[in-house]
Amino acid sequence: MSLSGGFWPYLVLVLAGFLPTDLWRLLGILVGRGFDEDSEFIIWVRAVAIAVLAGVIARIALFPPAALAQVPLPARLAAIGCGFLAFLLLRRSVFAGVLVGETALVLGAALAGW
């Protein structure tokens, strides 16, 4: 039986990518169910999560991987700014921020001739 074809790549993807992440999410839901959303601990956890996300976004913008490196830095930074502004203006909607930021990035790349 060959491990290179069939369903094996999907099994590896589920075992190595999906399960470890979602097990921690499920555990977080189960443990966090009893906490008050306005408690200092939950506010701290939320702040740390946002800081980690901001760090990842900054790293990707300043040291872009693969094809994103061909998009000029001003276009990448403008896309972050547009996404953040949309997030703030649309009642702190992460979905709106990501959608507007991604659209701005694609437009910036298109205008740069990418």
PDB file of N, CA and C in Angstrom:
ATOM      1  N   MET A   1       0.841  -1.184   0.000  1.00  0.00           N
ATOM      2  CA  MET A   1       0.000   0.000   0.000  1.00  0.00           C
ATOM      3  C   MET A   1       0.889   1.252   0.000  1.00  0.00           C
ATOM      4  N   SER A   2       0.702   2.113  -0.950  1.00  0.00           N
ATOM      5  CA  SER A   2       1.524   3.314  -1.090  1.00  0.00           C
ATOM      6  C   SER A   2       0.979   4.432  -0.207  1.00  0.00           C
ATOM      7  N   LEU A   3       1.899   5.157   0.442  1.00  0.00           N
ATOM      8  CA  LEU A   3       1.498   6.281   1.289  1.00  0.00           C
ATOM      9  C   LEU A   3       1.471   7.598   0.526  1.00  0.00           C
ATOM     10  N   SER A   4       1.827   7.594  -0.753  1.00  0.00           N
ATOM     11  CA  SER A   4       1.921   8.847  -1.500  1.00  0.00           C
ATOM     12  C   SER A   4       0.614   9.267  -2.170  1.00  0.00           C
ATOM     13  N   GLY A   5      -0.338   8.391  -2.305  1.00  0.00           N
ATOM     14  CA  GLY A   5      -1.564   8.755  -3.004  1.00  0.00           C
ATOM     15  C   GLY A   5      -2.784   8.485  -2.152  1.00  0.00           C
ATOM     16  N   GLY A   6      -3.934   8.658  -2.755  1.00  0.00           N
ATOM     17  CA  GLY A   6      -5.175   8.356  -2.063  1.00  0.00           C
ATOM     18  C   GLY A   6      -5.521   9.364  -0.984  1.00  0.00           C
ATOM     19  N   PHE A   7      -5.949   8.829   0.131  1.00  0.00           N
ATOM     20  CA  PHE A   7      -6.419   9.695   1.209  1.00  0.00           C
ATOM     21  C   PHE A   7      -5.335  10.038   2.230  1.00  0.00           C
ATOM     22  N   TRP A   8      -4.134   9.499   2.106  1.00  0.00           N
ATOM     23  CA  TRP A   8      -3.072   9.716   3.089  1.00  0.00           C
ATOM     24  C   TRP A   8      -2.707  11.182   3.276  1.00  0.00           C
ATOM     25  N   PRO A   9      -2.574  11.979   2.213  1.00  0.00           N
ATOM     26  CA  PRO A   9      -2.258  13.395   2.455  1.00  0.00           C
ATOM     27  C   PRO A   9      -3.318  14.100   3.297  1.00  0.00           C
ATOM     28  N   TYR A  10      -4.576  13.721   3.088  1.00  0.00           N
ATOM     29  CA  TYR A  10      -5.654  14.338   3.867  1.00  0.00           C
ATOM     30  C   TYR A  10      -5.605  13.882   5.323  1.00  0.00           C
ATOM     31  N   LEU A  11      -5.272  12.633   5.532  1.00  0.00           N
ATOM     32  CA  LEU A  11      -5.150  12.113   6.889  1.00  0.00           C
ATOM     33  C   LEU A  11      -4.013  12.818   7.629  1.00  0.00           C
ATOM     34  N   VAL A  12      -2.899  13.003   6.961  1.00  0.00           N
ATOM     35  CA  VAL A  12      -1.775  13.715   7.571  1.00  0.00           C
ATOM     36  C   VAL A  12      -2.169  15.162   7.874  1.00  0.00           C
ATOM     37  N   LEU A  13      -2.872  15.793   6.954  1.00  0.00           N
ATOM     38  CA  LEU A  13      -3.329  17.165   7.167  1.00  0.00           C
ATOM     39  C   LEU A  13      -4.226  17.261   8.400  1.00  0.00           C
ATOM     40  N   VAL A  14      -5.146  16.334   8.545  1.00  0.00           N
ATOM     41  CA  VAL A  14      -6.049  16.337   9.701  1.00  0.00           C
ATOM     42  C   VAL A  14      -5.272  16.071  10.986  1.00  0.00           C
ATOM     43  N   LEU A  15      -4.398  15.074  10.963  1.00  0.00           N
ATOM     44  CA  LEU A  15      -3.664  14.710  12.180  1.00  0.00           C
ATOM     45  C   LEU A  15      -2.643  15.762  12.592  1.00  0.00           C
ATOM     46  N   ALA A  16      -1.970  16.367  11.632  1.00  0.00           N
ATOM     47  CA  ALA A  16      -0.900  17.304  11.965  1.00  0.00           C
ATOM     48  C   ALA A  16      -1.362  18.756  12.020  1.00  0.00           C
ATOM     49  N   GLY A  17      -2.406  19.100  11.295  1.00  0.00           N
ATOM     50  CA  GLY A  17      -2.821  20.496  11.235  1.00  0.00           C
ATOM     51  C   GLY A  17      -4.098  20.814  11.963  1.00  0.00           C
ATOM     52  N   PHE A  18      -5.099  20.017  11.729  1.00  0.00           N
ATOM     53  CA  PHE A  18      -6.428  20.319  12.253  1.00  0.00           C
ATOM     54  C   PHE A  18      -6.596  19.918  13.713  1.00  0.00           C
ATOM     55  N   LEU A  19      -6.297  18.690  14.038  1.00  0.00           N
ATOM     56  CA  LEU A  19      -6.550  18.184  15.387  1.00  0.00           C
ATOM     57  C   LEU A  19      -5.782  18.907  16.488  1.00  0.00           C
ATOM     58  N   PRO A  20      -4.474  19.129  16.338  1.00  0.00           N
ATOM     59  CA  PRO A  20      -3.779  19.816  17.432  1.00  0.00           C
ATOM     60  C   PRO A  20      -4.350  21.209  17.717  1.00  0.00           C
ATOM     61  N   THR A  21      -4.682  21.944  16.678  1.00  0.00           N
ATOM     62  CA  THR A  21      -5.236  23.282  16.868  1.00  0.00           C
ATOM     63  C   THR A  21      -6.632  23.221  17.474  1.00  0.00           C
ATOM     64  N   ASP A  22      -7.479  22.388  16.917  1.00  0.00           N
ATOM     65  CA  ASP A  22      -8.855  22.348  17.386  1.00  0.00           C
ATOM     66  C   ASP A  22      -9.010  21.698  18.747  1.00  0.00           C
ATOM     67  N   LEU A  23      -8.113  20.817  19.116  1.00  0.00           N
ATOM     68  CA  LEU A  23      -8.169  20.268  20.472  1.00  0.00           C
ATOM     69  C   LEU A  23      -7.936  21.366  21.505  1.00  0.00           C
ATOM     70  N   TRP A  24      -6.987  22.258  21.236  1.00  0.00           N
ATOM     71  CA  TRP A  24      -6.751  23.365  22.161  1.00  0.00           C
ATOM     72  C   TRP A  24      -7.935  24.333  22.177  1.00  0.00           C
ATOM     73  N   ARG A  25      -8.532  24.568  21.035  1.00  0.00           N
ATOM     74  CA  ARG A  25      -9.717  25.436  20.988  1.00  0.00           C
ATOM     75  C   ARG A  25     -10.861  24.835  21.793  1.00  0.00           C
ATOM     76  N   LEU A  26     -11.092  23.547  21.614  1.00  0.00           N
ATOM     77  CA  LEU A  26     -12.149  22.872  22.362  1.00  0.00           C
ATOM     78  C   LEU A  26     -11.868  22.925  23.856  1.00  0.00           C
ATOM     79  N   LEU A  27     -10.631  22.677  24.237  1.00  0.00           N
ATOM     80  CA  LEU A  27     -10.268  22.753  25.650  1.00  0.00           C
ATOM     81  C   LEU A  27     -10.483  24.164  26.189  1.00  0.00           C
ATOM     82  N   GLY A  28     -10.133  25.160  25.391  1.00  0.00           N
ATOM     83  CA  GLY A  28     -10.357  26.550  25.796  1.00  0.00           C
ATOM     84  C   GLY A  28     -11.825  26.868  25.994  1.00  0.00           C
ATOM     85  N   ILE A  29     -12.658  26.333  25.137  1.00  0.00           N
ATOM     86  CA  ILE A  29     -14.103  26.546  25.273  1.00  0.00           C
ATOM     87  C   ILE A  29     -14.619  25.877  26.547  1.00  0.00           C
ATOM     88  N   LEU A  30     -14.181  24.657  26.779  1.00  0.00           N
ATOM     89  CA  LEU A  30     -14.655  23.935  27.956  1.00  0.00           C
ATOM     90  C   LEU A  30     -14.181  24.583  29.250  1.00  0.00           C
ATOM     91  N   VAL A  31     -12.930  24.985  29.299  1.00  0.00           N
ATOM     92  CA  VAL A  31     -12.386  25.597  30.515  1.00  0.00           C
ATOM     93  C   VAL A  31     -12.917  27.016  30.695  1.00  0.00           C
ATOM     94  N   GLY A  32     -13.019  27.754  29.604  1.00  0.00           N
ATOM     95  CA  GLY A  32     -13.428  29.151  29.689  1.00  0.00           C
ATOM     96  C   GLY A  32     -14.907  29.372  29.886  1.00  0.00           C
ATOM     97  N   ARG A  33     -15.683  28.312  29.822  1.00  0.00           N
ATOM     98  CA  ARG A  33     -17.133  28.442  29.948  1.00  0.00           C
ATOM     99  C   ARG A  33     -17.548  29.052  31.288  1.00  0.00           C
ATOM    100  N   GLY A  34     -16.795  28.770  32.335  1.00  0.00           N
ATOM    101  CA  GLY A  34     -17.168  29.260  33.662  1.00  0.00           C
ATOM    102  C   GLY A  34     -16.649  30.642  34.002  1.00  0.00           C
ATOM    103  N   PHE A  35     -15.844  31.246  33.121  1.00  0.00           N
ATOM    104  CA  PHE A  35     -15.276  32.559  33.418  1.00  0.00           C
ATOM    105  C   PHE A  35     -16.231  33.679  33.038  1.00  0.00           C
ATOM    106  N   ASP A  36     -16.162  34.754  33.793  1.00  0.00           N
ATOM    107  CA  ASP A  36     -16.899  35.961  33.462  1.00  0.00           C
ATOM    108  C   ASP A  36     -16.150  36.676  32.348  1.00  0.00           C
ATOM    109  N   GLU A  37     -16.843  37.079  31.293  1.00  0.00           N
ATOM    110  CA  GLU A  37     -16.196  37.735  30.158  1.00  0.00           C
ATOM    111  C   GLU A  37     -15.506  39.026  30.529  1.00  0.00           C
ATOM    112  N   ASP A  38     -15.925  39.663  31.588  1.00  0.00           N
ATOM    113  CA  ASP A  38     -15.339  40.929  31.998  1.00  0.00           C
ATOM    114  C   ASP A  38     -14.292  40.768  33.096  1.00  0.00           C
ATOM    115  N   SER A  39     -13.915  39.515  33.403  1.00  0.00           N
ATOM    116  CA  SER A  39     -12.904  39.303  34.437  1.00  0.00           C
ATOM    117  C   SER A  39     -11.539  39.755  33.926  1.00  0.00           C
ATOM    118  N   GLU A  40     -10.669  40.100  34.853  1.00  0.00           N
ATOM    119  CA  GLU A  40      -9.346  40.586  34.464  1.00  0.00           C
ATOM    120  C   GLU A  40      -8.547  39.506  33.732  1.00  0.00           C
ATOM    121  N   PHE A  41      -8.739  38.252  34.105  1.00  0.00           N
ATOM    122  CA  PHE A  41      -8.023  37.170  33.449  1.00  0.00           C
ATOM    123  C   PHE A  41      -8.415  37.057  31.978  1.00  0.00           C
ATOM    124  N   ILE A  42      -9.706  37.101  31.686  1.00  0.00           N
ATOM    125  CA  ILE A  42     -10.176  36.997  30.299  1.00  0.00           C
ATOM    126  C   ILE A  42      -9.747  38.220  29.497  1.00  0.00           C
ATOM    127  N   ILE A  43      -9.776  39.384  30.106  1.00  0.00           N
ATOM    128  CA  ILE A  43      -9.309  40.592  29.422  1.00  0.00           C
ATOM    129  C   ILE A  43      -7.827  40.459  29.095  1.00  0.00           C
ATOM    130  N   TRP A  44      -7.040  39.900  30.023  1.00  0.00           N
ATOM    131  CA  TRP A  44      -5.615  39.681  29.786  1.00  0.00           C
ATOM    132  C   TRP A  44      -5.405  38.667  28.658  1.00  0.00           C
ATOM    133  N   VAL A  45      -6.148  37.570  28.685  1.00  0.00           N
ATOM    134  CA  VAL A  45      -6.028  36.550  27.643  1.00  0.00           C
ATOM    135  C   VAL A  45      -6.358  37.149  26.277  1.00  0.00           C
ATOM    136  N   ARG A  46      -7.406  37.940  26.225  1.00  0.00           N
ATOM    137  CA  ARG A  46      -7.795  38.582  24.963  1.00  0.00           C
ATOM    138  C   ARG A  46      -6.697  39.531  24.480  1.00  0.00           C
ATOM    139  N   ALA A  47      -6.099  40.288  25.411  1.00  0.00           N
ATOM    140  CA  ALA A  47      -5.029  41.218  25.047  1.00  0.00           C
ATOM    141  C   ALA A  47      -3.800  40.475  24.515  1.00  0.00           C
ATOM    142  N   VAL A  48      -3.463  39.362  25.143  1.00  0.00           N
ATOM    143  CA  VAL A  48      -2.318  38.568  24.672  1.00  0.00           C
ATOM    144  C   VAL A  48      -2.604  37.999  23.283  1.00  0.00           C
ATOM    145  N   ALA A  49      -3.818  37.508  23.070  1.00  0.00           N
ATOM    146  CA  ALA A  49      -4.176  36.956  21.761  1.00  0.00           C
ATOM    147  C   ALA A  49      -4.096  38.031  20.675  1.00  0.00           C
ATOM    148  N   ILE A  50      -4.568  39.220  20.980  1.00  0.00           N
ATOM    149  CA  ILE A  50      -4.527  40.316  20.013  1.00  0.00           C
ATOM    150  C   ILE A  50      -3.080  40.726  19.748  1.00  0.00           C
ATOM    151  N   ALA A  51      -2.253  40.750  20.792  1.00  0.00           N
ATOM    152  CA  ALA A  51      -0.843  41.111  20.619  1.00  0.00           C
ATOM    153  C   ALA A  51      -0.112  40.091  19.751  1.00  0.00           C
ATOM    154  N   VAL A  52      -0.399  38.819  19.958  1.00  0.00           N
ATOM    155  CA  VAL A  52       0.232  37.777  19.133  1.00  0.00           C
ATOM    156  C   VAL A  52      -0.212  37.931  17.683  1.00  0.00           C
ATOM    157  N   LEU A  53      -1.495  38.167  17.464  1.00  0.00           N
ATOM    158  CA  LEU A  53      -1.999  38.360  16.103  1.00  0.00           C
ATOM    159  C   LEU A  53      -1.362  39.582  15.450  1.00  0.00           C
ATOM    160  N   ALA A  54      -1.238  40.673  16.200  1.00  0.00           N
ATOM    161  CA  ALA A  54      -0.599  41.880  15.662  1.00  0.00           C
ATOM    162  C   ALA A  54       0.860  41.603  15.309  1.00  0.00           C
ATOM    163  N   GLY A  55       1.539  40.832  16.133  1.00  0.00           N
ATOM    164  CA  GLY A  55       2.927  40.475  15.841  1.00  0.00           C
ATOM    165  C   GLY A  55       3.060  39.647  14.583  1.00  0.00           C
ATOM    166  N   VAL A  56       2.153  38.701  14.398  1.00  0.00           N
ATOM    167  CA  VAL A  56       2.184  37.866  13.193  1.00  0.00           C
ATOM    168  C   VAL A  56       1.911  38.714  11.951  1.00  0.00           C
ATOM    169  N   ILE A  57       0.938  39.607  12.046  1.00  0.00           N
ATOM    170  CA  ILE A  57       0.622  40.483  10.915  1.00  0.00           C
ATOM    171  C   ILE A  57       1.811  41.381  10.585  1.00  0.00           C
ATOM    172  N   ALA A  58       2.445  41.951  11.616  1.00  0.00           N
ATOM    173  CA  ALA A  58       3.603  42.816  11.388  1.00  0.00           C
ATOM    174  C   ALA A  58       4.755  42.037  10.761  1.00  0.00           C
ATOM    175  N   ARG A  59       4.977  40.834  11.228  1.00  0.00           N
ATOM    176  CA  ARG A  59       6.067  40.017  10.673  1.00  0.00           C
ATOM    177  C   ARG A  59       5.803  39.683   9.206  1.00  0.00           C
ATOM    178  N   ILE A  60       4.573  39.320   8.891  1.00  0.00           N
ATOM    179  CA  ILE A  60       4.237  38.995   7.500  1.00  0.00           C
ATOM    180  C   ILE A  60       4.336  40.238   6.618  1.00  0.00           C
ATOM    181  N   ALA A  61       3.953  41.403   7.151  1.00  0.00           N
ATOM    182  CA  ALA A  61       4.005  42.628   6.354  1.00  0.00           C
ATOM    183  C   ALA A  61       5.442  43.095   6.131  1.00  0.00           C
ATOM    184  N   LEU A  62       6.283  42.999   7.156  1.00  0.00           N
ATOM    185  CA  LEU A  62       7.640  43.513   7.049  1.00  0.00           C
ATOM    186  C   LEU A  62       8.627  42.505   6.450  1.00  0.00           C
ATOM    187  N   PHE A  63       8.382  41.229   6.690  1.00  0.00           N
ATOM    188  CA  PHE A  63       9.232  40.168   6.155  1.00  0.00           C
ATOM    189  C   PHE A  63       8.340  39.162   5.426  1.00  0.00           C
ATOM    190  N   PRO A  64       7.797  39.560   4.280  1.00  0.00           N
ATOM    191  CA  PRO A  64       6.772  38.745   3.612  1.00  0.00           C
ATOM    192  C   PRO A  64       7.333  37.459   3.016  1.00  0.00           C
ATOM    193  N   PRO A  65       6.542  36.406   3.099  1.00  0.00           N
ATOM    194  CA  PRO A  65       6.940  35.145   2.487  1.00  0.00           C
ATOM    195  C   PRO A  65       6.524  35.088   1.014  1.00  0.00           C
ATOM    196  N   ALA A  66       7.256  34.348   0.249  1.00  0.00           N
ATOM    197  CA  ALA A  66       6.910  33.956  -1.124  1.00  0.00           C
ATOM    198  C   ALA A  66       6.430  35.115  -1.989  1.00  0.00           C
ATOM    199  N   ALA A  67       5.285  34.967  -2.617  1.00  0.00           N
ATOM    200  CA  ALA A  67       4.788  35.927  -3.603  1.00  0.00           C
ATOM    201  C   ALA A  67       4.433  37.275  -2.981  1.00  0.00           C
ATOM    202  N   LEU A  68       4.107  37.291  -1.697  1.00  0.00           N
ATOM    203  CA  LEU A  68       3.766  38.558  -1.048  1.00  0.00           C
ATOM    204  C   LEU A  68       4.957  39.515  -1.033  1.00  0.00           C
ATOM    205  N   ALA A  69       6.162  38.987  -1.117  1.00  0.00           N
ATOM    206  CA  ALA A  69       7.362  39.825  -1.134  1.00  0.00           C
ATOM    207  C   ALA A  69       7.422  40.710  -2.380  1.00  0.00           C
ATOM    208  N   GLN A  70       6.699  40.342  -3.423  1.00  0.00           N
ATOM    209  CA  GLN A  70       6.700  41.142  -4.652  1.00  0.00           C
ATOM    210  C   GLN A  70       5.753  42.333  -4.564  1.00  0.00           C
ATOM    211  N   VAL A  71       4.855  42.333  -3.588  1.00  0.00           N
ATOM    212  CA  VAL A  71       3.962  43.478  -3.388  1.00  0.00           C
ATOM    213  C   VAL A  71       4.751  44.539  -2.629  1.00  0.00           C
ATOM    214  N   PRO A  72       4.761  45.780  -3.112  1.00  0.00           N
ATOM    215  CA  PRO A  72       5.549  46.819  -2.449  1.00  0.00           C
ATOM    216  C   PRO A  72       5.119  47.044  -0.991  1.00  0.00           C
ATOM    217  N   LEU A  73       6.097  47.403  -0.155  1.00  0.00           N
ATOM    218  CA  LEU A  73       5.837  47.639   1.264  1.00  0.00           C
ATOM    219  C   LEU A  73       4.737  48.682   1.488  1.00  0.00           C
ATOM    220  N   PRO A  74       4.724  49.817   0.779  1.00  0.00           N
ATOM    221  CA  PRO A  74       3.635  50.781   1.004  1.00  0.00           C
ATOM    222  C   PRO A  74       2.242  50.172   0.757  1.00  0.00           C
ATOM    223  N   ALA A  75       2.123  49.296  -0.229  1.00  0.00           N
ATOM    224  CA  ALA A  75       0.828  48.656  -0.494  1.00  0.00           C
ATOM    225  C   ALA A  75       0.452  47.720   0.649  1.00  0.00           C
ATOM    226  N   ARG A  76       1.419  46.986   1.178  1.00  0.00           N
ATOM    227  CA  ARG A  76       1.145  46.087   2.304  1.00  0.00           C
ATOM    228  C   ARG A  76       0.737  46.876   3.535  1.00  0.00           C
ATOM    229  N   LEU A  77       1.451  47.966   3.816  1.00  0.00           N
ATOM    230  CA  LEU A  77       1.128  48.785   4.994  1.00  0.00           C
ATOM    231  C   LEU A  77      -0.229  49.492   4.830  1.00  0.00           C
ATOM    232  N   ALA A  78      -0.527  49.958   3.611  1.00  0.00           N
ATOM    233  CA  ALA A  78      -1.824  50.590   3.358  1.00  0.00           C
ATOM    234  C   ALA A  78      -2.959  49.585   3.548  1.00  0.00           C
ATOM    235  N   ALA A  79      -2.740  48.341   3.141  1.00  0.00           N
ATOM    236  CA  ALA A  79      -3.764  47.307   3.319  1.00  0.00           C
ATOM    237  C   ALA A  79      -4.014  47.056   4.799  1.00  0.00           C
ATOM    238  N   ILE A  80      -2.956  47.041   5.598  1.00  0.00           N
ATOM    239  CA  ILE A  80      -3.128  46.875   7.052  1.00  0.00           C
ATOM    240  C   ILE A  80      -3.909  48.047   7.620  1.00  0.00           C
ATOM    241  N   GLY A  81      -3.566  49.246   7.189  1.00  0.00           N
ATOM    242  CA  GLY A  81      -4.279  50.439   7.667  1.00  0.00           C
ATOM    243  C   GLY A  81      -5.748  50.426   7.284  1.00  0.00           C
ATOM    244  N   CYS A  82      -6.037  50.049   6.057  1.00  0.00           N
ATOM    245  CA  CYS A  82      -7.434  49.978   5.603  1.00  0.00           C
ATOM    246  C   CYS A  82      -8.212  48.929   6.383  1.00  0.00           C
ATOM    247  N   GLY A  83      -7.602  47.789   6.593  1.00  0.00           N
ATOM    248  CA  GLY A  83      -8.263  46.740   7.363  1.00  0.00           C
ATOM    249  C   GLY A  83      -8.533  47.161   8.792  1.00  0.00           C
ATOM    250  N   PHE A  84      -7.559  47.824   9.406  1.00  0.00           N
ATOM    251  CA  PHE A  84      -7.744  48.285  10.789  1.00  0.00           C
ATOM    252  C   PHE A  84      -8.815  49.354  10.877  1.00  0.00           C
ATOM    253  N   LEU A  85      -8.822  50.257   9.920  1.00  0.00           N
ATOM    254  CA  LEU A  85      -9.846  51.302   9.898  1.00  0.00           C
ATOM    255  C   LEU A  85     -11.245  50.692   9.722  1.00  0.00           C
ATOM    256  N   ALA A  86     -11.368  49.720   8.844  1.00  0.00           N
ATOM    257  CA  ALA A  86     -12.657  49.049   8.663  1.00  0.00           C
ATOM    258  C   ALA A  86     -13.073  48.325   9.947  1.00  0.00           C
ATOM    259  N   PHE A  87     -12.123  47.705  10.608  1.00  0.00           N
ATOM    260  CA  PHE A  87     -12.386  47.036  11.880  1.00  0.00           C
ATOM    261  C   PHE A  87     -12.965  48.022  12.891  1.00  0.00           C
ATOM    262  N   LEU A  88     -12.360  49.198  12.988  1.00  0.00           N
ATOM    263  CA  LEU A  88     -12.832  50.194  13.951  1.00  0.00           C
ATOM    264  C   LEU A  88     -14.181  50.792  13.562  1.00  0.00           C
ATOM    265  N   LEU A  89     -14.340  51.091  12.272  1.00  0.00           N
ATOM    266  CA  LEU A  89     -15.564  51.757  11.822  1.00  0.00           C
ATOM    267  C   LEU A  89     -16.786  50.838  11.808  1.00  0.00           C
ATOM    268  N   LEU A  90     -16.555  49.554  11.614  1.00  0.00           N
ATOM    269  CA  LEU A  90     -17.670  48.615  11.497  1.00  0.00           C
ATOM    270  C   LEU A  90     -17.836  47.802  12.787  1.00  0.00           C
ATOM    271  N   ARG A  91     -17.890  48.505  13.878  1.00  0.00           N
ATOM    272  CA  ARG A  91     -18.176  47.937  15.209  1.00  0.00           C
ATOM    273  C   ARG A  91     -17.259  46.776  15.577  1.00  0.00           C
ATOM    274  N   ARG A  92     -15.967  46.959  15.346  1.00  0.00           N
ATOM    275  CA  ARG A  92     -14.935  45.986  15.725  1.00  0.00           C
ATOM    276  C   ARG A  92     -15.189  44.612  15.107  1.00  0.00           C
ATOM    277  N   SER A  93     -15.549  44.622  13.850  1.00  0.00           N
ATOM    278  CA  SER A  93     -15.800  43.385  13.108  1.00  0.00           C
ATOM    279  C   SER A  93     -14.498  42.867  12.502  1.00  0.00           C
ATOM    280  N   VAL A  94     -14.028  41.744  13.013  1.00  0.00           N
ATOM    281  CA  VAL A  94     -12.808  41.138  12.490  1.00  0.00           C
ATOM    282  C   VAL A  94     -13.014  40.738  11.030  1.00  0.00           C
ATOM    283  N   PHE A  95     -14.179  40.196  10.725  1.00  0.00           N
ATOM    284  CA  PHE A  95     -14.479  39.789   9.348  1.00  0.00           C
ATOM    285  C   PHE A  95     -14.359  40.973   8.399  1.00  0.00           C
ATOM    286  N   ALA A  96     -14.949  42.113   8.773  1.00  0.00           N
ATOM    287  CA  ALA A  96     -14.887  43.303   7.912  1.00  0.00           C
ATOM    288  C   ALA A  96     -13.445  43.780   7.765  1.00  0.00           C
ATOM    289  N   GLY A  97     -12.677  43.758   8.837  1.00  0.00           N
ATOM    290  CA  GLY A  97     -11.286  44.178   8.769  1.00  0.00           C
ATOM    291  C   GLY A  97     -10.464  43.303   7.849  1.00  0.00           C
ATOM    292  N   VAL A  98     -10.648  41.999   7.944  1.00  0.00           N
ATOM    293  CA  VAL A  98      -9.911  41.075   7.081  1.00  0.00           C
ATOM    294  C   VAL A  98     -10.347  41.247   5.631  1.00  0.00           C
ATOM    295  N   LEU A  99     -11.641  41.362   5.398  1.00  0.00           N
ATOM    296  CA  LEU A  99     -12.149  41.503   4.032  1.00  0.00           C
ATOM    297  C   LEU A  99     -11.646  42.787   3.373  1.00  0.00           C
ATOM    298  N   VAL A 100     -11.730  43.899   4.080  1.00  0.00           N
ATOM    299  CA  VAL A 100     -11.273  45.174   3.520  1.00  0.00           C
ATOM    300  C   VAL A 100      -9.749  45.171   3.357  1.00  0.00           C
ATOM    301  N   GLY A 101      -9.037  44.648   4.333  1.00  0.00           N
ATOM    302  CA  GLY A 101      -7.581  44.591   4.229  1.00  0.00           C
ATOM    303  C   GLY A 101      -7.122  43.735   3.068  1.00  0.00           C
ATOM    304  N   GLU A 102      -7.753  42.593   2.895  1.00  0.00           N
ATOM    305  CA  GLU A 102      -7.396  41.700   1.788  1.00  0.00           C
ATOM    306  C   GLU A 102      -7.714  42.341   0.439  1.00  0.00           C
ATOM    307  N   THR A 103      -8.859  42.998   0.362  1.00  0.00           N
ATOM    308  CA  THR A 103      -9.224  43.697  -0.878  1.00  0.00           C
ATOM    309  C   THR A 103      -8.225  44.799  -1.182  1.00  0.00           C
ATOM    310  N   ALA A 104      -7.830  45.558  -0.166  1.00  0.00           N
ATOM    311  CA  ALA A 104      -6.844  46.627  -0.369  1.00  0.00           C
ATOM    312  C   ALA A 104      -5.499  46.053  -0.798  1.00  0.00           C
ATOM    313  N   LEU A 105      -5.131  44.907  -0.255  1.00  0.00           N
ATOM    314  CA  LEU A 105      -3.864  44.274  -0.637  1.00  0.00           C
ATOM    315  C   LEU A 105      -3.893  43.831  -2.095  1.00  0.00           C
ATOM    316  N   VAL A 106      -4.991  43.233  -2.505  1.00  0.00           N
ATOM    317  CA  VAL A 106      -5.110  42.793  -3.904  1.00  0.00           C
ATOM    318  C   VAL A 106      -5.096  43.996  -4.847  1.00  0.00           C
ATOM    319  N   LEU A 107      -5.818  45.048  -4.479  1.00  0.00           N
ATOM    320  CA  LEU A 107      -5.812  46.259  -5.311  1.00  0.00           C
ATOM    321  C   LEU A 107      -4.434  46.898  -5.360  1.00  0.00           C
ATOM    322  N   GLY A 108      -3.755  46.932  -4.221  1.00  0.00           N
ATOM    323  CA  GLY A 108      -2.403  47.491  -4.181  1.00  0.00           C
ATOM    324  C   GLY A 108      -1.433  46.693  -5.036  1.00  0.00           C
ATOM    325  N   ALA A 109      -1.572  45.388  -5.000  1.00  0.00           N
ATOM    326  CA  ALA A 109      -0.719  44.535  -5.829  1.00  0.00           C
ATOM    327  C   ALA A 109      -1.021  44.740  -7.301  1.00  0.00           C
ATOM    328  N   ALA A 110      -2.311  44.897  -7.638  1.00  0.00           N
ATOM    329  CA  ALA A 110      -2.697  45.114  -9.034  1.00  0.00           C
ATOM    330  C   ALA A 110      -2.177  46.462  -9.542  1.00  0.00           C
ATOM    331  N   LEU A 111      -2.274  47.484  -8.705  1.00  0.00           N
ATOM    332  CA  LEU A 111      -1.791  48.812  -9.105  1.00  0.00           C
ATOM    333  C   LEU A 111      -0.270  48.838  -9.235  1.00  0.00           C
ATOM    334  N   ALA A 112       0.414  47.990  -8.479  1.00  0.00           N
ATOM    335  CA  ALA A 112       1.867  47.924  -8.543  1.00  0.00           C
ATOM    336  C   ALA A 112       2.329  47.100  -9.742  1.00  0.00           C
ATOM    337  N   GLY A 113       1.391  46.516 -10.465  1.00  0.00           N
ATOM    338  CA  GLY A 113       1.745  45.732 -11.646  1.00  0.00           C
ATOM    339  C   GLY A 113       2.158  44.321 -11.336  1.00  0.00           C
ATOM    340  N   TRP A 114       1.721  43.811 -10.250  1.00  0.00           N
ATOM    341  CA  TRP A 114       2.078  42.445  -9.845  1.00  0.00           C
ATOM    342  C   TRP A 114       1.286  41.437 -10.525  1.00  0.00           C
TER     343      TRP A 114
END
